[in-house]
């Protein structure tokens, strides 16, 4: 398992942001690589983890 594999799996929607957080916790990738892959800021505390792992809602994505 390496950065390229994790990024490819995230891009293909096989991995989620929380799964990538686990890869950082296990030392497989760095917090900077987490941000590069997900575009989310790496959480600095446990409470931030949930917020960072969820994308913000888009306001102009309503289907007509």
N, C-alpha and C. Protein backbone atom coordinates (compact mmCIF):
# COMPACT_ATOMS: atom_id res chain seq x y z
N UNK A 1 0.85 -1.17 0.00
CA UNK A 1 0.00 0.00 0.00
C UNK A 1 0.90 1.23 0.00
N UNK A 2 0.60 2.19 -0.87
CA UNK A 2 1.38 3.42 -0.92
C UNK A 2 0.49 4.59 -1.32
N UNK A 3 1.07 5.78 -1.37
CA UNK A 3 0.33 7.00 -1.68
C UNK A 3 -0.44 6.89 -2.99
N UNK A 4 0.22 6.41 -4.03
CA UNK A 4 -0.42 6.34 -5.35
C UNK A 4 -1.64 5.42 -5.34
N UNK A 5 -1.52 4.30 -4.68
CA UNK A 5 -2.64 3.35 -4.60
C UNK A 5 -3.80 3.94 -3.82
N UNK A 6 -3.50 4.58 -2.71
CA UNK A 6 -4.55 5.18 -1.89
C UNK A 6 -5.24 6.30 -2.66
N UNK A 7 -4.47 7.14 -3.33
CA UNK A 7 -5.06 8.24 -4.12
C UNK A 7 -5.93 7.70 -5.23
N UNK A 8 -5.45 6.70 -5.93
CA UNK A 8 -6.23 6.10 -7.03
C UNK A 8 -7.54 5.51 -6.49
N UNK A 9 -7.48 4.82 -5.37
CA UNK A 9 -8.70 4.24 -4.79
C UNK A 9 -9.68 5.31 -4.32
N UNK A 10 -9.17 6.41 -3.78
CA UNK A 10 -10.05 7.51 -3.37
C UNK A 10 -10.69 8.16 -4.59
N UNK A 11 -9.90 8.38 -5.63
CA UNK A 11 -10.43 8.98 -6.86
C UNK A 11 -11.49 8.09 -7.51
N UNK A 12 -11.35 6.80 -7.37
CA UNK A 12 -12.32 5.85 -7.94
C UNK A 12 -13.48 5.58 -6.97
N UNK A 13 -13.47 6.31 -5.83
CA UNK A 13 -14.52 6.20 -4.81
C UNK A 13 -14.57 4.82 -4.14
N UNK A 14 -13.42 4.16 -4.09
CA UNK A 14 -13.31 2.89 -3.39
C UNK A 14 -12.92 3.11 -1.93
N UNK A 15 -12.30 4.26 -1.66
CA UNK A 15 -11.91 4.64 -0.31
C UNK A 15 -12.62 5.93 0.07
N UNK A 16 -12.88 6.10 1.37
CA UNK A 16 -13.48 7.33 1.88
C UNK A 16 -12.42 8.10 2.67
N UNK A 17 -12.74 9.35 3.00
CA UNK A 17 -11.81 10.17 3.79
C UNK A 17 -11.49 9.53 5.14
N UNK A 18 -12.48 8.98 5.86
CA UNK A 18 -12.13 8.32 7.12
C UNK A 18 -11.16 7.14 6.94
N UNK A 19 -11.26 6.45 5.84
CA UNK A 19 -10.34 5.35 5.57
C UNK A 19 -8.92 5.89 5.37
N UNK A 20 -8.83 7.04 4.72
CA UNK A 20 -7.52 7.64 4.49
C UNK A 20 -6.95 8.17 5.81
N UNK A 21 -7.81 8.64 6.70
CA UNK A 21 -7.34 9.03 8.04
C UNK A 21 -6.65 7.86 8.73
N UNK A 22 -7.20 6.68 8.58
CA UNK A 22 -6.59 5.49 9.18
C UNK A 22 -5.20 5.23 8.59
N UNK A 23 -5.05 5.49 7.29
CA UNK A 23 -3.74 5.30 6.66
C UNK A 23 -2.72 6.26 7.25
N UNK A 24 -3.14 7.48 7.58
CA UNK A 24 -2.25 8.44 8.23
C UNK A 24 -1.90 7.94 9.63
N UNK A 25 -2.92 7.50 10.37
CA UNK A 25 -2.69 7.00 11.73
C UNK A 25 -1.72 5.83 11.75
N UNK A 26 -1.75 5.01 10.71
CA UNK A 26 -0.87 3.83 10.64
C UNK A 26 0.50 4.17 10.07
N UNK A 27 0.69 5.44 9.64
CA UNK A 27 1.99 5.86 9.13
C UNK A 27 2.24 5.51 7.68
N UNK A 28 1.20 5.15 6.96
CA UNK A 28 1.35 4.80 5.55
C UNK A 28 1.53 6.05 4.69
N UNK A 29 0.77 7.10 5.01
CA UNK A 29 0.92 8.38 4.33
C UNK A 29 1.02 9.48 5.39
N UNK A 30 1.42 10.67 4.96
CA UNK A 30 1.57 11.80 5.87
C UNK A 30 0.28 12.62 5.92
N UNK A 31 0.14 13.47 6.94
CA UNK A 31 -1.02 14.37 6.97
C UNK A 31 -1.09 15.27 5.73
N UNK A 32 0.06 15.68 5.21
CA UNK A 32 0.07 16.50 4.01
C UNK A 32 -0.46 15.72 2.81
N UNK A 33 -0.13 14.45 2.73
CA UNK A 33 -0.65 13.61 1.64
C UNK A 33 -2.15 13.40 1.80
N UNK A 34 -2.63 13.30 3.04
CA UNK A 34 -4.08 13.20 3.29
C UNK A 34 -4.78 14.41 2.67
N UNK A 35 -4.25 15.60 2.93
CA UNK A 35 -4.84 16.82 2.40
C UNK A 35 -4.76 16.84 0.88
N UNK A 36 -3.65 16.39 0.33
CA UNK A 36 -3.50 16.35 -1.13
C UNK A 36 -4.53 15.41 -1.77
N UNK A 37 -4.78 14.29 -1.15
CA UNK A 37 -5.73 13.31 -1.69
C UNK A 37 -7.17 13.79 -1.54
N UNK A 38 -7.53 14.23 -0.34
CA UNK A 38 -8.94 14.50 -0.05
C UNK A 38 -9.34 15.96 -0.23
N UNK A 39 -8.40 16.87 -0.23
CA UNK A 39 -8.59 18.32 -0.21
C UNK A 39 -9.16 18.81 1.11
N UNK A 40 -9.28 17.95 2.12
CA UNK A 40 -9.72 18.34 3.45
C UNK A 40 -8.49 18.62 4.30
N UNK A 41 -8.63 19.52 5.26
CA UNK A 41 -7.55 19.79 6.20
C UNK A 41 -7.44 18.62 7.17
N UNK A 42 -6.21 18.19 7.40
CA UNK A 42 -6.01 17.08 8.32
C UNK A 42 -6.42 17.53 9.72
N UNK A 43 -7.25 16.77 10.40
CA UNK A 43 -7.74 17.19 11.72
C UNK A 43 -6.63 17.23 12.76
N UNK A 44 -6.68 18.26 13.60
CA UNK A 44 -5.67 18.40 14.64
C UNK A 44 -6.13 17.79 15.96
N UNK A 45 -7.45 17.58 16.11
CA UNK A 45 -7.99 16.96 17.32
C UNK A 45 -9.03 15.92 16.93
N UNK A 46 -9.40 15.12 17.88
CA UNK A 46 -10.41 14.07 17.64
C UNK A 46 -11.74 14.66 17.19
N UNK A 47 -12.16 15.80 17.77
CA UNK A 47 -13.43 16.42 17.41
C UNK A 47 -13.42 16.94 15.98
N UNK A 48 -12.25 17.37 15.50
CA UNK A 48 -12.15 17.87 14.13
C UNK A 48 -12.21 16.76 13.11
N UNK A 49 -11.94 15.52 13.54
CA UNK A 49 -11.86 14.40 12.61
C UNK A 49 -13.14 14.24 11.81
N UNK A 50 -14.27 14.28 12.45
CA UNK A 50 -15.54 14.08 11.76
C UNK A 50 -15.80 15.22 10.79
N UNK A 51 -15.53 16.46 11.21
CA UNK A 51 -15.75 17.61 10.35
C UNK A 51 -14.84 17.55 9.12
N UNK A 52 -13.59 17.18 9.31
CA UNK A 52 -12.64 17.16 8.22
C UNK A 52 -12.94 16.04 7.23
N UNK A 53 -13.53 14.97 7.70
CA UNK A 53 -13.78 13.82 6.84
C UNK A 53 -15.02 13.98 5.98
N UNK A 54 -15.84 15.01 6.26
CA UNK A 54 -17.06 15.21 5.49
C UNK A 54 -16.93 16.43 4.60
N UNK A 55 -17.23 16.30 3.33
CA UNK A 55 -17.18 17.48 2.46
C UNK A 55 -18.31 18.45 2.81
N UNK A 56 -18.10 19.70 2.50
CA UNK A 56 -19.14 20.67 2.75
C UNK A 56 -20.23 20.53 1.70
N UNK A 57 -21.44 20.96 2.06
CA UNK A 57 -22.56 20.85 1.13
C UNK A 57 -22.41 21.89 0.03
N UNK A 58 -22.72 21.48 -1.16
CA UNK A 58 -22.71 22.41 -2.29
C UNK A 58 -24.09 23.03 -2.40
N UNK A 59 -24.13 24.31 -2.68
CA UNK A 59 -25.41 25.00 -2.69
C UNK A 59 -26.07 25.00 -4.06
N UNK A 60 -25.32 24.86 -5.11
CA UNK A 60 -25.89 24.96 -6.45
C UNK A 60 -25.89 23.63 -7.19
N UNK A 61 -26.27 22.58 -6.53
CA UNK A 61 -26.24 21.26 -7.17
C UNK A 61 -27.62 20.65 -7.32
N UNK A 62 -28.65 21.48 -7.21
CA UNK A 62 -30.02 20.97 -7.34
C UNK A 62 -30.30 20.53 -8.77
N UNK A 63 -30.91 19.39 -8.88
CA UNK A 63 -31.30 18.90 -10.20
C UNK A 63 -32.65 19.49 -10.57
N UNK A 64 -32.82 19.75 -11.80
CA UNK A 64 -34.09 20.31 -12.28
C UNK A 64 -34.85 19.32 -13.08
